[in-house]
Structures are given as structure tokens and as C-alpha cells.
Amino acid sequence: MNRHSNQAKITFALLVCGTVLGLAGIDLVLPAIPSLPNSIVGTLENAQLVLATFAAGTAIGLLVFGELGARFKQGSLLVAALLLYALLSYLATQVNSIQQLIWVRFFQGFASSAPAVFAPGMIRAMFSQRGALKAIGAMGSIESLTPAFAPVVGAWLLSFSDWRASFYLTSALATALGLGVLFFGRGLINKHSTLEPDSERSQESYRSLFSNREFMRQGLSHACTLGGLLVFVFGAPTVITMSMNSELSSFVVMQIIGISLFIISANLSDRLVARFGSEAMILFGSSLTALGCLLILLFSIVGDGDPKWLWLLFAPVNLGLGLRGPPGFYQAVVAAGDNDSRGAALLILFILGFAAIGTAVVSPFISQGLIVLGIAASTVACSSVLILLILKAPHHEQDQTA
């Protein structure tokens, strides 16, 4: 039992590193984008597509790996995806034009999506319910640091090398992770995900998830809570520096405070779930995030425009997400049943979709200032609470804690 526990912990660490490396695919490269046309053939407009095509490849990869994970051994798929990610990262260093890099980045994004698809179902299989909640909370805490620190690492690499440095680093790390999973985690993962050719699970589809009331309830609610936060974060730098006439450092401080509170609350969530139940914590966390967004909207109307107030008002948004994030994600995966790989993929797509749509709607009006962000973030975050209440089945059972 102890050997299984140690192997599960090693496998969990490998899964977390894999998801973090996939998330860092954009942020590590970000500092090099403005100077990229000075290094290889292409324009600044094309350089922006280096980011966009990675995201597009990731979105398609989520769906494809969600399907493959329901039909084949997930451990073997994960090893193949990580090694492909490593190969494509190396190939990116050999291109002669931005146009070539764009194509490589699309397939790089595709390969990078596999850990995010497989990790939730694997964690659910390897641990008890409370253990899985704790593990998902820890994973969310670590992943939340990626957007903050990956650009710093990318800028540091750029300071003593060129744009290729981040790709060399990604290639080396992905190779190490792929070999790590192959020799330490693949057996345990495959043990929990092996399917017979005629398995009922392999006959399911994404369509079955859309007709699964509880999956849609938990998945859409989770996506709205996180989506509301992301809509605000994506627009906050522009609003703080342009409309509020402040420095980017105000945004950085707001993010550091918010991420710190998220980490604390996410790692407390398993204890609170054990005491109050997942359903109560999911609803409370969603409501707390919605309240924070509404307070930001109120501040945009009656406040004095000092961005330091955002440090305080953004706190409940992150606290709420931390409290409802791990149990919400876990319950969505549980609701997907044996279709968990597709469920995880669809859940991430929901999150990306709400964030992208909200950001696109806000973009033409961003010059109007904080009030636009407040309206958009509040609308998305409040939708999370409404979904939980409206889609709740008449005889919905409160989930049991371990």
C-alpha cells in the first residue's frame, strides 16, 4: 500500500509538471515576441500569430485527446504527447521564418494539451475523494503561478540568449517528463485507464456529456466563475495603466495578492468540504467570487479611481475561486463518470470559451475604463451562481465526503 502511495505521489508530481509546462507554452515565449521579426523573417503582426496558433492547437488538442483518452491507455498517450511536445519544441528552434514557426506552434500547442486532459481523471483514480480534492487544490495552486512567473523566466532567458532559449528549455523539460512518466508513472496510470475494445466507455461521446445535466451544471458553473476572473485579469493591465493612470506595478501587486489568497483557500478547500460538503462550498465560493466582481463594478461607478482599492476588492474573487475550484472541478469530473477524459477536455474548453468571449466583447469598449470590465466580469461570475441554482435537479444529492 505504501509503495502504491509513493508511486501515486510521484505520478501526481509528473502530472502537475506536465500541465504547468503546457500552460507555460505561451508565457515563456511572450517576452520574445516583440523582437522576433528582428531575428527571423516575418512581421510583428505575424509574430502575434505565434501566440494565437499555439492557443488554437491547444483547443483542438483538448478535444482530440479527450476522445483518444476514452479509447486508449492514457499513460501511453501521455508519454507520446510529452515526447512529441519535446520534439516540436526543438523543431521550433530550427525554423527560418515566423511563418514556419507559426505552423510548428500549432502542433506544439496540440501536443501540450494532453496533460491537462488526462490529469483530473488520473488523480481521481489514484486517490480517495478527499485525497483527490486536496491534490486538485494543490495542482490548481501551482498552475496559478505559471502566468505570473513564466514570463519572468522567459525574459531572463532572453537576457543572455535569443528567442530560441525558451524552446530549448521546453524541449529538455518535456523530454525529461516524458521519460519520467514512461518509467515511473505509466503503469499506474494505465492500470486505472485501461479499456477493453468493446468497453461501454469507448462508445460514449461528447454528445452524452451535453445531455448530462449534472456535468453541465458543474462544468458551466465552474467555467463561469473562472471565466469571470480571467475576463477581469485580461483587461486589467490596460485599464489600470490607461484609464486609471497608474503603473503596471499596481496590476502586479493585485495579482500577487490574489494568487496568494487563491493558494491559501484552495489548499483549505478539502477540509472545508469534509465539514460542510462539496455542494455548499461550491455555491459559497461561486457567490463570493460573484460578490467580489459586483463590488468592483460598484467601485467603478462611485469610487475615486485609485487602483489600490482593487487590491482589496479583487481578494474575494480569488478566495471564492480557491474555495469552489477543487471541489467544483472534481464534481464535474465525477459527473462525467467513465467519460472523464472527454469531460476534463470539455470543461477546459468551457473555461477558455467564456474567457475568450468575455474578452472579445469587452475589447472594443476597453477605453471606457473599469466599468466595462466590472459589467463583463460580474455578468459571467453571477451566471455561475444562477446555473448552480437553476440546473439543480429536484432530488439532487449532496455529494458525500470521504
Protein backbone atom coordinates (compact mmCIF):
# COMPACT_ATOMS: atom_id res chain seq x y z
CA MET A 1 0.00 0.00 0.00
CA ASN A 2 2.89 2.32 0.88
CA ARG A 3 4.57 1.54 -2.45
CA HIS A 4 1.34 2.39 -4.28
CA SER A 5 1.06 5.63 -2.29
CA ASN A 6 4.62 6.67 -3.15
CA GLN A 7 4.11 5.83 -6.82
CA ALA A 8 0.86 7.82 -6.83
CA LYS A 9 2.68 10.85 -5.37
CA ILE A 10 5.45 10.62 -7.97
CA THR A 11 2.89 10.27 -10.75
CA PHE A 12 0.95 13.24 -9.39
CA ALA A 13 4.13 15.36 -9.39
CA LEU A 14 4.80 14.37 -13.01
CA LEU A 15 1.22 15.25 -13.98
CA VAL A 16 1.46 18.67 -12.33
CA CYS A 17 4.78 19.39 -14.04
CA GLY A 18 3.25 18.34 -17.36
CA THR A 19 0.23 20.63 -17.03
CA VAL A 20 2.44 23.53 -15.90
CA LEU A 21 4.78 23.05 -18.85
CA GLY A 22 1.79 23.03 -21.21
CA LEU A 23 0.41 26.22 -19.66
CA ALA A 24 3.83 27.87 -19.93
CA GLY A 25 3.85 27.35 -23.70
CA ILE A 26 2.59 30.88 -24.31
CA ASP A 27 4.02 32.78 -21.36
CA LEU A 28 7.63 31.61 -21.75
CA VAL A 29 7.69 32.86 -25.35
CA LEU A 30 5.80 36.09 -24.66
CA PRO A 31 8.82 38.35 -23.89
CA ALA A 32 10.48 37.38 -27.19
CA ILE A 33 7.52 38.21 -29.46
CA PRO A 34 8.19 41.98 -29.96
CA SER A 35 11.76 41.38 -31.14
CA LEU A 36 11.05 38.21 -33.12
CA PRO A 37 10.86 39.98 -36.55
CA ASN A 38 14.40 41.25 -35.94
CA SER A 39 15.66 37.68 -35.60
CA ILE A 40 13.86 35.72 -38.32
CA VAL A 41 11.89 36.65 -41.44
CA GLY A 42 8.40 37.97 -40.71
CA THR A 43 6.35 40.88 -39.42
CA LEU A 44 5.19 41.90 -35.96
CA GLU A 45 1.62 41.03 -36.97
CA ASN A 46 2.77 37.53 -37.90
CA ALA A 47 4.61 37.28 -34.60
CA GLN A 48 1.31 37.67 -32.75
CA LEU A 49 0.08 34.57 -34.57
CA VAL A 50 2.85 32.61 -32.87
CA LEU A 51 0.75 33.01 -29.72
CA ALA A 52 -2.64 32.59 -31.37
CA THR A 53 -1.83 29.37 -33.23
CA PHE A 54 -0.48 27.76 -30.06
CA ALA A 55 -3.82 28.51 -28.38
CA ALA A 56 -5.72 27.17 -31.40
CA GLY A 57 -3.68 23.97 -31.37
CA THR A 58 -4.33 23.59 -27.66
CA ALA A 59 -8.11 23.90 -28.16
CA ILE A 60 -8.15 21.21 -30.86
CA GLY A 61 -5.81 19.03 -28.82
CA LEU A 62 -8.20 19.15 -25.86
CA LEU A 63 -10.97 17.63 -27.95
CA VAL A 64 -8.78 15.07 -29.70
CA PHE A 65 -7.02 13.84 -26.56
CA GLY A 66 -10.35 13.78 -24.75
CA GLU A 67 -11.57 11.36 -27.39
CA LEU A 68 -8.38 9.31 -27.52
CA GLY A 69 -8.22 9.09 -23.73
CA ALA A 70 -11.64 7.44 -23.69
CA ARG A 71 -10.45 4.74 -26.10
CA PHE A 72 -6.79 4.03 -25.38
CA LYS A 73 -4.38 3.74 -22.45
CA GLN A 74 -3.91 7.24 -21.11
CA GLY A 75 -0.44 6.62 -19.71
CA SER A 76 0.90 5.65 -23.12
CA LEU A 77 -0.84 8.59 -24.76
CA LEU A 78 0.65 10.97 -22.21
CA VAL A 79 4.19 9.70 -22.82
CA ALA A 80 3.73 10.05 -26.59
CA ALA A 81 2.30 13.58 -26.24
CA LEU A 82 5.11 14.80 -23.96
CA LEU A 83 7.82 13.41 -26.27
CA LEU A 84 6.05 14.95 -29.28
CA TYR A 85 5.92 18.27 -27.40
CA ALA A 86 9.67 17.97 -26.82
CA LEU A 87 10.37 17.21 -30.49
CA LEU A 88 8.22 20.09 -31.75
CA SER A 89 9.83 22.49 -29.27
CA TYR A 90 13.22 21.55 -30.68
CA LEU A 91 11.98 21.88 -34.28
CA ALA A 92 10.83 25.41 -33.42
CA THR A 93 14.47 26.38 -32.89
CA GLN A 94 15.35 25.27 -36.43
CA VAL A 95 12.89 27.44 -38.39
CA ASN A 96 14.00 30.29 -40.67
CA SER A 97 10.81 32.35 -40.73
CA ILE A 98 7.92 33.31 -38.50
CA GLN A 99 5.55 31.60 -40.94
CA GLN A 100 7.30 28.28 -40.34
CA LEU A 101 7.25 28.90 -36.60
CA ILE A 102 3.50 29.51 -36.73
CA TRP A 103 2.91 26.02 -38.13
CA VAL A 104 5.21 24.38 -35.61
CA ARG A 105 3.48 26.26 -32.79
CA PHE A 106 0.08 24.95 -33.82
CA PHE A 107 1.19 21.35 -33.43
CA GLN A 108 3.19 22.21 -30.32
CA GLY A 109 0.01 23.56 -28.72
CA PHE A 110 -1.82 20.40 -29.78
CA ALA A 111 0.71 18.16 -28.01
CA SER A 112 0.84 20.40 -24.91
CA SER A 113 -2.86 19.87 -24.13
CA ALA A 114 -2.63 16.18 -23.21
CA PRO A 115 -1.59 16.54 -19.53
CA ALA A 116 -4.46 18.95 -18.80
CA VAL A 117 -6.95 16.48 -20.31
CA PHE A 118 -5.71 13.37 -18.53
CA ALA A 119 -4.67 14.74 -15.12
CA PRO A 120 -8.12 15.16 -13.43
CA GLY A 121 -9.31 11.63 -14.23
CA MET A 122 -5.95 10.13 -13.25
CA ILE A 123 -5.93 11.99 -9.93
CA ARG A 124 -9.49 10.88 -9.25
CA ALA A 125 -8.49 7.25 -9.89
CA MET A 126 -5.29 7.29 -7.83
CA PHE A 127 -6.58 8.93 -4.64
CA SER A 128 -9.55 8.84 -2.31
CA GLN A 129 -12.19 11.54 -2.75
CA ARG A 130 -10.65 13.76 -0.07
CA GLY A 131 -7.17 12.98 -1.33
CA ALA A 132 -8.21 13.87 -4.88
CA LEU A 133 -9.73 17.15 -3.70
CA LYS A 134 -6.52 18.02 -1.88
CA ALA A 135 -4.41 17.02 -4.90
CA ILE A 136 -6.51 19.07 -7.33
CA GLY A 137 -6.32 22.05 -4.96
CA ALA A 138 -2.53 21.76 -4.82
CA MET A 139 -2.34 21.38 -8.60
CA GLY A 140 -4.51 24.48 -9.09
CA SER A 141 -2.28 26.44 -6.71
CA ILE A 142 0.86 25.53 -8.62
CA GLU A 143 -0.74 26.13 -12.02
CA SER A 144 -1.96 29.56 -10.91
CA LEU A 145 1.67 30.67 -10.52
CA THR A 146 2.52 29.85 -14.14
CA PRO A 147 1.14 33.02 -15.79
CA ALA A 148 2.92 35.12 -13.16
CA PHE A 149 6.37 33.53 -13.28
CA ALA A 150 6.73 32.05 -16.78
CA PRO A 151 7.14 35.49 -18.47
CA VAL A 152 9.82 36.35 -15.90
CA VAL A 153 11.70 33.16 -16.74
CA GLY A 154 11.25 33.90 -20.45
CA ALA A 155 12.65 37.42 -20.03
CA TRP A 156 15.60 36.06 -18.02
CA LEU A 157 16.38 33.54 -20.78
CA LEU A 158 16.14 36.31 -23.36
CA SER A 159 18.59 38.46 -21.41
CA PHE A 160 21.53 36.14 -22.06
CA SER A 161 20.38 34.24 -25.16
CA ASP A 162 17.90 34.69 -28.02
CA TRP A 163 14.28 33.70 -28.70
CA ARG A 164 15.25 30.04 -29.11
CA ALA A 165 16.22 29.64 -25.45
CA SER A 166 12.66 29.10 -24.19
CA PHE A 167 12.10 26.41 -26.82
CA TYR A 168 15.32 24.60 -25.88
CA LEU A 169 14.23 24.68 -22.23
CA THR A 170 10.74 23.40 -23.08
CA SER A 171 12.20 20.60 -25.20
CA ALA A 172 14.53 19.46 -22.42
CA LEU A 173 11.84 19.56 -19.74
CA ALA A 174 9.23 17.80 -21.88
CA THR A 175 11.74 15.04 -22.69
CA ALA A 176 12.53 14.57 -19.00
CA LEU A 177 8.84 14.46 -18.09
CA GLY A 178 8.00 12.03 -20.88
CA LEU A 179 10.74 9.65 -19.74
CA GLY A 180 9.66 10.13 -16.13
CA VAL A 181 6.09 9.10 -16.91
CA LEU A 182 7.35 6.20 -19.04
CA PHE A 183 9.47 4.70 -16.26
CA PHE A 184 7.66 5.77 -13.09
CA GLY A 185 4.01 6.56 -13.78
CA ARG A 186 2.78 4.88 -16.95
CA GLY A 187 1.98 1.54 -15.30
CA LEU A 188 -0.12 3.10 -12.55
CA ILE A 189 -1.92 5.40 -14.99
CA ASN A 190 -2.67 2.59 -17.44
CA LYS A 191 -3.90 0.41 -14.59
CA HIS A 192 -6.67 2.93 -13.93
CA SER A 193 -7.44 3.77 -17.54
CA THR A 194 -7.12 0.51 -19.47
CA LEU A 195 -10.14 -0.16 -21.66
CA GLU A 196 -11.29 -3.25 -23.47
CA PRO A 197 -12.07 -2.72 -27.17
CA ASP A 198 -15.78 -3.14 -26.57
CA SER A 199 -15.84 -1.03 -23.42
CA GLU A 200 -19.06 0.93 -22.97
CA ARG A 201 -17.00 3.99 -22.14
CA SER A 202 -15.32 3.93 -25.55
CA GLN A 203 -18.76 4.08 -27.16
CA GLU A 204 -19.68 7.30 -25.39
CA SER A 205 -19.16 10.71 -26.93
CA TYR A 206 -19.10 14.42 -26.22
CA ARG A 207 -22.82 14.44 -27.05
CA SER A 208 -23.55 12.32 -23.98
CA LEU A 209 -21.88 14.96 -21.79
CA PHE A 210 -24.10 17.73 -23.17
CA SER A 211 -27.13 15.67 -22.13
CA ASN A 212 -25.64 15.01 -18.69
CA ARG A 213 -27.45 17.56 -16.51
CA GLU A 214 -25.11 17.40 -13.53
CA PHE A 215 -21.96 17.59 -15.66
CA MET A 216 -23.29 20.64 -17.49
CA ARG A 217 -24.34 22.20 -14.19
CA GLN A 218 -20.97 21.75 -12.53
CA GLY A 219 -18.92 22.36 -15.67
CA LEU A 220 -20.65 25.55 -16.80
CA SER A 221 -20.73 26.95 -13.26
CA HIS A 222 -17.03 26.29 -12.77
CA ALA A 223 -16.22 27.81 -16.16
CA CYS A 224 -18.23 30.94 -15.38
CA THR A 225 -16.51 31.50 -12.03
CA LEU A 226 -13.03 31.14 -13.52
CA GLY A 227 -14.11 32.89 -16.72
CA GLY A 228 -15.27 35.97 -14.79
CA LEU A 229 -11.89 36.19 -13.10
CA LEU A 230 -9.99 35.76 -16.37
CA VAL A 231 -12.06 38.39 -18.20
CA PHE A 232 -11.10 40.87 -15.50
CA VAL A 233 -7.43 39.86 -15.40
CA PHE A 234 -7.04 40.01 -19.19
CA GLY A 235 -8.36 43.57 -19.31
CA ALA A 236 -6.95 44.90 -16.02
CA PRO A 237 -3.44 45.87 -17.24
CA THR A 238 -4.87 48.13 -19.96
CA VAL A 239 -7.48 49.68 -17.67
CA ILE A 240 -5.05 50.26 -14.80
CA THR A 241 -2.34 51.86 -16.96
CA MET A 242 -4.50 53.72 -19.48
CA SER A 243 -7.80 54.62 -17.78
CA MET A 244 -6.68 54.76 -14.15
CA ASN A 245 -3.36 56.46 -14.98
CA SER A 246 -1.35 54.13 -12.81
CA GLU A 247 1.71 51.90 -13.22
CA LEU A 248 1.72 48.27 -14.29
CA SER A 249 3.15 47.53 -10.86
CA SER A 250 -0.35 48.08 -9.42
CA PHE A 251 -1.59 45.19 -11.53
CA VAL A 252 1.35 43.04 -10.44
CA VAL A 253 0.64 43.69 -6.76
CA MET A 254 -3.06 42.92 -7.29
CA GLN A 255 -2.13 39.62 -8.95
CA ILE A 256 0.33 38.63 -6.23
CA ILE A 257 -2.26 39.26 -3.52
CA GLY A 258 -4.94 37.45 -5.50
CA ILE A 259 -2.78 34.41 -6.31
CA SER A 260 -1.63 34.15 -2.68
CA LEU A 261 -5.22 34.13 -1.42
CA PHE A 262 -6.21 31.60 -4.06
CA ILE A 263 -3.42 29.25 -2.97
CA ILE A 264 -4.44 29.51 0.69
CA SER A 265 -8.15 28.92 0.08
CA ALA A 266 -7.59 26.15 -2.50
CA ASN A 267 -5.48 24.21 -0.03
CA LEU A 268 -8.09 24.65 2.71
CA SER A 269 -10.96 23.53 0.49
CA ASP A 270 -10.64 19.79 1.18
CA ARG A 271 -11.02 20.39 4.95
CA LEU A 272 -13.98 22.69 4.45
CA VAL A 273 -15.60 20.20 2.09
CA ALA A 274 -15.17 17.47 4.71
CA ARG A 275 -17.00 19.70 7.19
CA PHE A 276 -19.69 21.36 5.08
CA GLY A 277 -19.94 19.25 1.92
CA SER A 278 -18.92 19.97 -1.67
CA GLU A 279 -22.27 21.41 -2.74
CA ALA A 280 -22.23 24.05 -0.01
CA MET A 281 -18.62 25.06 -0.70
CA ILE A 282 -19.16 25.25 -4.45
CA LEU A 283 -22.17 27.53 -4.01
CA PHE A 284 -20.45 29.64 -1.35
CA GLY A 285 -17.27 30.04 -3.39
CA SER A 286 -19.19 30.93 -6.54
CA SER A 287 -21.22 33.51 -4.62
CA LEU A 288 -18.08 35.01 -3.06
CA THR A 289 -16.45 35.44 -6.47
CA ALA A 290 -19.63 37.00 -7.87
CA LEU A 291 -19.78 39.37 -4.88
CA GLY A 292 -16.19 40.47 -5.49
CA CYS A 293 -16.96 41.23 -9.14
CA LEU A 294 -20.06 43.21 -8.15
CA LEU A 295 -18.01 45.22 -5.63
CA ILE A 296 -15.51 46.06 -8.38
CA LEU A 297 -18.41 47.20 -10.57
CA LEU A 298 -19.75 49.36 -7.72
CA PHE A 299 -16.28 50.86 -7.21
CA SER A 300 -16.08 51.70 -10.92
CA ILE A 301 -19.24 53.79 -10.50
CA VAL A 302 -18.74 55.53 -7.15
CA GLY A 303 -15.02 55.04 -6.37
CA ASP A 304 -12.21 57.56 -6.58
CA GLY A 305 -10.29 55.65 -9.27
CA ASP A 306 -7.37 54.69 -7.03
CA PRO A 307 -6.20 51.24 -8.26
CA LYS A 308 -5.04 50.31 -4.77
CA TRP A 309 -8.71 49.65 -3.94
CA LEU A 310 -8.58 46.83 -6.46
CA TRP A 311 -6.05 45.04 -4.27
CA LEU A 312 -8.81 44.69 -1.67
CA LEU A 313 -11.81 44.24 -3.96
CA PHE A 314 -10.13 41.56 -6.07
CA ALA A 315 -9.46 39.46 -2.95
CA PRO A 316 -12.92 37.82 -2.63
CA VAL A 317 -12.85 36.97 -6.34
CA ASN A 318 -9.75 34.82 -5.79
CA LEU A 319 -10.84 33.49 -2.40
CA GLY A 320 -14.12 32.29 -3.90
CA LEU A 321 -12.40 30.56 -6.80
CA GLY A 322 -9.99 28.85 -4.41
CA LEU A 323 -12.82 27.53 -2.24
CA ARG A 324 -15.00 26.28 -5.07
CA GLY A 325 -12.29 25.41 -7.59
CA PRO A 326 -11.07 21.98 -6.39
CA PRO A 327 -14.49 20.55 -5.40
CA GLY A 328 -16.13 22.11 -8.47
CA PHE A 329 -13.60 20.63 -10.88
CA TYR A 330 -13.73 17.30 -9.05
CA GLN A 331 -17.53 17.09 -9.09
CA ALA A 332 -17.61 17.90 -12.81
CA VAL A 333 -15.19 15.04 -13.50
CA VAL A 334 -17.21 12.71 -11.24
CA ALA A 335 -20.42 13.69 -13.05
CA ALA A 336 -18.77 12.72 -16.34
CA GLY A 337 -18.44 9.18 -14.97
CA ASP A 338 -16.25 6.89 -17.06
CA ASN A 339 -16.25 9.60 -19.73
CA ASP A 340 -13.86 11.64 -17.58
CA SER A 341 -11.17 12.36 -20.20
CA ARG A 342 -13.74 13.95 -22.52
CA GLY A 343 -15.29 15.65 -19.50
CA ALA A 344 -11.98 17.25 -18.47
CA ALA A 345 -11.34 18.38 -22.06
CA LEU A 346 -14.82 19.88 -22.41
CA LEU A 347 -14.55 21.62 -19.04
CA ILE A 348 -11.30 23.33 -20.04
CA LEU A 349 -12.89 24.35 -23.33
CA PHE A 350 -15.81 25.89 -21.42
CA ILE A 351 -13.34 27.92 -19.35
CA LEU A 352 -11.39 29.08 -22.40
CA GLY A 353 -14.64 29.84 -24.21
CA PHE A 354 -16.14 32.06 -21.51
CA ALA A 355 -12.84 33.89 -21.04
CA ALA A 356 -12.40 34.39 -24.80
CA ILE A 357 -15.98 35.51 -25.45
CA GLY A 358 -15.98 37.89 -22.49
CA THR A 359 -12.64 39.36 -23.53
CA ALA A 360 -13.78 39.76 -27.14
CA VAL A 361 -16.96 41.55 -26.05
CA VAL A 362 -15.02 43.88 -23.74
CA SER A 363 -12.23 44.67 -26.21
CA PRO A 364 -14.00 47.35 -28.33
CA PHE A 365 -15.06 49.21 -25.17
CA ILE A 366 -11.91 48.82 -23.08
CA SER A 367 -11.17 52.56 -23.39
CA GLN A 368 -14.29 53.24 -21.31
CA GLY A 369 -12.40 52.02 -18.27
CA LEU A 370 -13.10 49.84 -15.25
CA ILE A 371 -16.88 49.94 -15.54
CA VAL A 372 -16.79 47.80 -18.71
CA LEU A 373 -14.62 45.18 -17.03
CA GLY A 374 -16.86 45.28 -13.97
CA ILE A 375 -20.00 44.67 -16.00
CA ALA A 376 -18.47 41.82 -18.00
CA ALA A 377 -16.85 40.06 -15.03
CA SER A 378 -19.99 40.44 -12.88
CA THR A 379 -22.23 39.07 -15.63
CA VAL A 380 -20.10 35.97 -16.13
CA ALA A 381 -19.46 35.34 -12.42
CA CYS A 382 -23.11 35.81 -11.40
CA SER A 383 -24.10 33.36 -14.12
CA SER A 384 -22.16 30.73 -12.19
CA VAL A 385 -24.47 31.08 -9.18
CA LEU A 386 -27.61 31.10 -11.35
CA ILE A 387 -26.51 27.93 -13.14
CA LEU A 388 -26.00 26.13 -9.84
CA LEU A 389 -29.47 27.10 -8.66
CA ILE A 390 -31.43 26.76 -11.89
CA LEU A 391 -29.94 23.46 -13.12
CA LYS A 392 -30.06 21.80 -9.73
CA ALA A 393 -32.11 18.61 -10.02
CA PRO A 394 -35.16 18.33 -7.73
CA HIS A 395 -33.65 15.38 -5.90
CA HIS A 396 -30.03 16.36 -6.25
CA GLU A 397 -28.00 14.63 -3.57
CA GLN A 398 -25.36 16.50 -1.66
CA ASP A 399 -22.08 14.80 -2.51
CA GLN A 400 -20.57 12.61 0.15
CA THR A 401 -17.21 13.32 1.63
CA ALA A 402 -14.68 10.63 2.31
